[in-house]
Amino acid sequence: MPVEKATFAGGCFWCMVKPFHEQEGILDVVVGYTGGHKENPTYKEVCREDTGHYEAVQITFDSSVFPYEKLLQLFWQQIDPTDPGGQFNDRGQSYQTAIFYHSEHQRQQAEVSKQKLEESGRFSKAIVTPIIPASKFYIGEEYHQDYYKKDPVHYSLYHVGSGRAGFIKKHWRGDDNE
């Protein structure tokens, strides 16, 4: 079984777990922080915007069952890739989008995927999500893990109230994205 890791920043990490967690071949999805300079950051520190970290998810997957290309497709369907200032109601660097690649093969696939999305005409603005080498990933606090299961009512209200659900429906209607 070829086990790999994928790391994506897509705004609030609560909303980035469920779409991946539900897929066959996904072995684990954890939320945390990456891309910054502070060792062992806390949620409060990351929210202050002085650690350089993104809220992110790290996915462990069996690439023979769920290939990286499909992860990329699912990732794009969860975000607004044209927003450089954050995601939906969440603003600031820690809520910006990014693909963190773990190998040259992942980098190449991410670049191709981004180019295809740009050329698709699905969005009228440029795709601004950067593709960055993966760095140390710090697992987030336990109360953030699998939040959609721990507090499904609050999660659902947030998913809709933040603007994410409406954006996904508008831009990916008919696509398999949840």
Protein backbone atom coordinates (compact mmCIF):
# COMPACT_ATOMS: atom_id res chain seq x y z
CA MET A 1 0.00 0.00 0.00
CA PRO A 2 1.65 3.26 -1.13
CA VAL A 3 1.00 5.63 1.79
CA GLU A 4 1.60 9.34 1.19
CA LYS A 5 0.92 12.63 2.93
CA ALA A 6 -0.74 15.69 1.44
CA THR A 7 -1.00 19.08 3.12
CA PHE A 8 -3.48 21.79 2.17
CA ALA A 9 -4.43 25.17 3.62
CA GLY A 10 -7.98 26.10 2.76
CA GLY A 11 -9.07 28.69 5.29
CA CYS A 12 -10.70 27.49 8.48
CA PHE A 13 -9.37 23.99 8.98
CA TRP A 14 -12.66 22.77 10.46
CA CYS A 15 -14.21 22.89 7.00
CA MET A 16 -11.33 21.08 5.32
CA VAL A 17 -11.62 17.76 7.16
CA LYS A 18 -15.04 16.34 6.30
CA PRO A 19 -14.73 16.37 2.49
CA PHE A 20 -11.52 14.34 2.64
CA HIS A 21 -12.43 12.18 5.63
CA GLU A 22 -15.37 10.67 3.79
CA GLN A 23 -13.32 9.29 0.88
CA GLU A 24 -12.19 5.69 0.46
CA GLY A 25 -8.41 5.47 0.63
CA ILE A 26 -8.06 8.34 3.10
CA LEU A 27 -6.39 6.90 6.17
CA ASP A 28 -6.25 10.00 8.39
CA VAL A 29 -6.98 13.72 8.31
CA VAL A 30 -5.60 15.99 11.03
CA VAL A 31 -5.78 19.74 11.45
CA GLY A 32 -2.84 21.86 12.43
CA TYR A 33 -0.44 24.60 11.49
CA THR A 34 2.34 24.83 8.91
CA GLY A 35 4.38 27.20 6.81
CA GLY A 36 5.48 29.54 9.58
CA HIS A 37 8.46 30.21 11.78
CA LYS A 38 7.16 29.62 15.34
CA GLU A 39 7.81 26.18 16.79
CA ASN A 40 4.83 24.43 18.40
CA PRO A 41 2.34 27.23 17.78
CA THR A 42 -1.01 27.34 19.52
CA TYR A 43 -4.32 28.25 17.92
CA LYS A 44 -4.33 31.60 19.74
CA GLU A 45 -0.82 32.40 18.51
CA VAL A 46 -1.69 31.53 14.91
CA CYS A 47 -4.85 33.66 15.13
CA ARG A 48 -2.71 36.65 16.18
CA GLU A 49 -1.11 36.43 12.72
CA ASP A 50 2.48 36.66 13.98
CA THR A 51 3.64 33.04 13.56
CA GLY A 52 3.56 32.90 9.75
CA HIS A 53 1.57 29.66 9.95
CA TYR A 54 -1.47 28.68 7.93
CA GLU A 55 -4.38 26.68 9.34
CA ALA A 56 -4.03 23.46 7.38
CA VAL A 57 -4.99 19.83 7.07
CA GLN A 58 -2.57 16.97 6.67
CA ILE A 59 -3.99 13.94 4.94
CA THR A 60 -2.51 10.45 5.04
CA PHE A 61 -3.76 8.48 2.06
CA ASP A 62 -3.32 5.31 0.06
CA SER A 63 -2.42 6.69 -3.36
CA SER A 64 -3.38 3.42 -5.08
CA VAL A 65 -6.98 3.94 -3.93
CA PHE A 66 -7.26 7.73 -3.87
CA PRO A 67 -4.51 9.30 -6.00
CA TYR A 68 -3.02 12.72 -5.31
CA GLU A 69 -4.67 14.13 -8.46
CA LYS A 70 -8.09 13.38 -6.94
CA LEU A 71 -7.03 15.02 -3.66
CA LEU A 72 -6.09 18.16 -5.59
CA GLN A 73 -9.44 18.18 -7.39
CA LEU A 74 -11.30 17.83 -4.10
CA PHE A 75 -9.14 20.55 -2.51
CA TRP A 76 -9.95 23.08 -5.25
CA GLN A 77 -13.66 22.33 -4.77
CA GLN A 78 -13.53 23.42 -1.10
CA ILE A 79 -11.96 26.89 -1.50
CA ASP A 80 -12.07 30.21 -3.32
CA PRO A 81 -8.71 29.97 -5.09
CA THR A 82 -8.98 33.59 -6.28
CA ASP A 83 -9.01 35.20 -2.82
CA PRO A 84 -5.55 36.35 -1.63
CA GLY A 85 -6.81 37.71 1.71
CA GLY A 86 -8.21 34.60 3.38
CA GLN A 87 -11.30 32.48 2.89
CA PHE A 88 -14.88 33.62 3.05
CA ASN A 89 -15.52 35.40 6.40
CA ASP A 90 -12.08 34.45 7.74
CA ARG A 91 -9.48 37.03 6.82
CA GLY A 92 -5.73 37.14 7.28
CA GLN A 93 -2.62 35.19 6.38
CA SER A 94 -3.45 32.18 8.55
CA TYR A 95 -6.65 31.67 6.51
CA GLN A 96 -5.05 31.96 3.09
CA THR A 97 -4.97 28.95 0.77
CA ALA A 98 -1.88 26.95 -0.19
CA ILE A 99 -0.82 23.57 -1.46
CA PHE A 100 2.21 22.21 0.41
CA TYR A 101 3.93 19.57 -1.67
CA HIS A 102 5.88 16.66 -0.17
CA SER A 103 7.70 15.55 -3.34
CA GLU A 104 8.66 16.77 -6.78
CA HIS A 105 5.92 14.56 -8.20
CA GLN A 106 3.31 16.29 -6.00
CA ARG A 107 4.67 19.71 -7.01
CA GLN A 108 4.33 18.87 -10.68
CA GLN A 109 0.81 17.49 -10.25
CA ALA A 110 -0.21 20.57 -8.25
CA GLU A 111 1.15 22.90 -10.95
CA VAL A 112 -0.72 21.01 -13.68
CA SER A 113 -3.91 20.99 -11.61
CA LYS A 114 -3.67 24.73 -10.93
CA GLN A 115 -3.05 25.46 -14.62
CA LYS A 116 -6.04 23.36 -15.67
CA LEU A 117 -8.27 25.21 -13.21
CA GLU A 118 -6.97 28.56 -14.47
CA GLU A 119 -7.65 27.58 -18.08
CA SER A 120 -11.10 26.16 -17.30
CA GLY A 121 -12.67 29.61 -17.13
CA ARG A 122 -14.58 28.57 -14.00
CA PHE A 123 -13.38 31.74 -12.24
CA SER A 124 -13.17 35.24 -13.68
CA LYS A 125 -10.20 36.18 -11.47
CA ALA A 126 -6.71 34.65 -11.40
CA ILE A 127 -5.99 31.59 -9.28
CA VAL A 128 -3.74 32.87 -6.45
CA THR A 129 -3.27 29.74 -4.33
CA PRO A 130 0.50 29.22 -4.02
CA ILE A 131 2.27 25.87 -4.29
CA ILE A 132 4.88 25.70 -1.54
CA PRO A 133 7.33 23.05 -0.29
CA ALA A 134 5.95 21.27 2.76
CA SER A 135 7.54 22.18 6.06
CA LYS A 136 7.07 21.04 9.65
CA PHE A 137 3.41 20.36 10.40
CA TYR A 138 2.25 20.97 13.97
CA ILE A 139 -0.87 19.04 14.95
CA GLY A 140 -3.60 21.33 16.28
CA GLU A 141 -5.33 21.09 19.61
CA GLU A 142 -7.55 18.08 20.21
CA TYR A 143 -10.76 20.13 20.38
CA HIS A 144 -10.22 21.15 16.73
CA GLN A 145 -9.75 17.58 15.44
CA ASP A 146 -12.81 16.17 13.62
CA TYR A 147 -14.81 19.20 14.72
CA TYR A 148 -17.61 18.39 12.29
CA LYS A 149 -18.26 15.23 14.34
CA LYS A 150 -17.81 16.79 17.78
CA ASP A 151 -20.21 19.68 17.24
CA PRO A 152 -22.17 19.03 14.03
CA VAL A 153 -24.72 21.79 14.62
CA HIS A 154 -22.12 24.52 15.15
CA TYR A 155 -20.02 23.14 12.28
CA SER A 156 -23.00 23.24 9.92
CA LEU A 157 -23.95 26.77 10.98
CA TYR A 158 -20.36 27.90 10.46
CA HIS A 159 -19.99 26.13 7.08
CA VAL A 160 -23.10 27.92 5.81
CA GLY A 161 -22.70 31.21 7.71
CA SER A 162 -19.09 31.76 6.64
CA GLY A 163 -20.16 31.77 2.99
CA ARG A 164 -18.25 28.59 2.12
CA ALA A 165 -21.30 26.38 1.46
CA GLY A 166 -22.92 28.92 -0.87
CA PHE A 167 -19.67 29.51 -2.76
CA ILE A 168 -19.14 25.79 -3.28
CA LYS A 169 -22.72 25.34 -4.48
CA LYS A 170 -22.44 28.28 -6.88
CA HIS A 171 -19.08 27.34 -8.40
CA TRP A 172 -19.14 23.55 -8.24
CA ARG A 173 -22.85 22.70 -8.54
CA GLY A 174 -23.27 19.25 -9.99
CA ASP A 175 -19.70 18.29 -9.13
CA ASP A 176 -19.01 15.71 -6.45
CA ASN A 177 -17.60 17.98 -3.76
CA GLU A 178 -19.01 16.96 -0.40
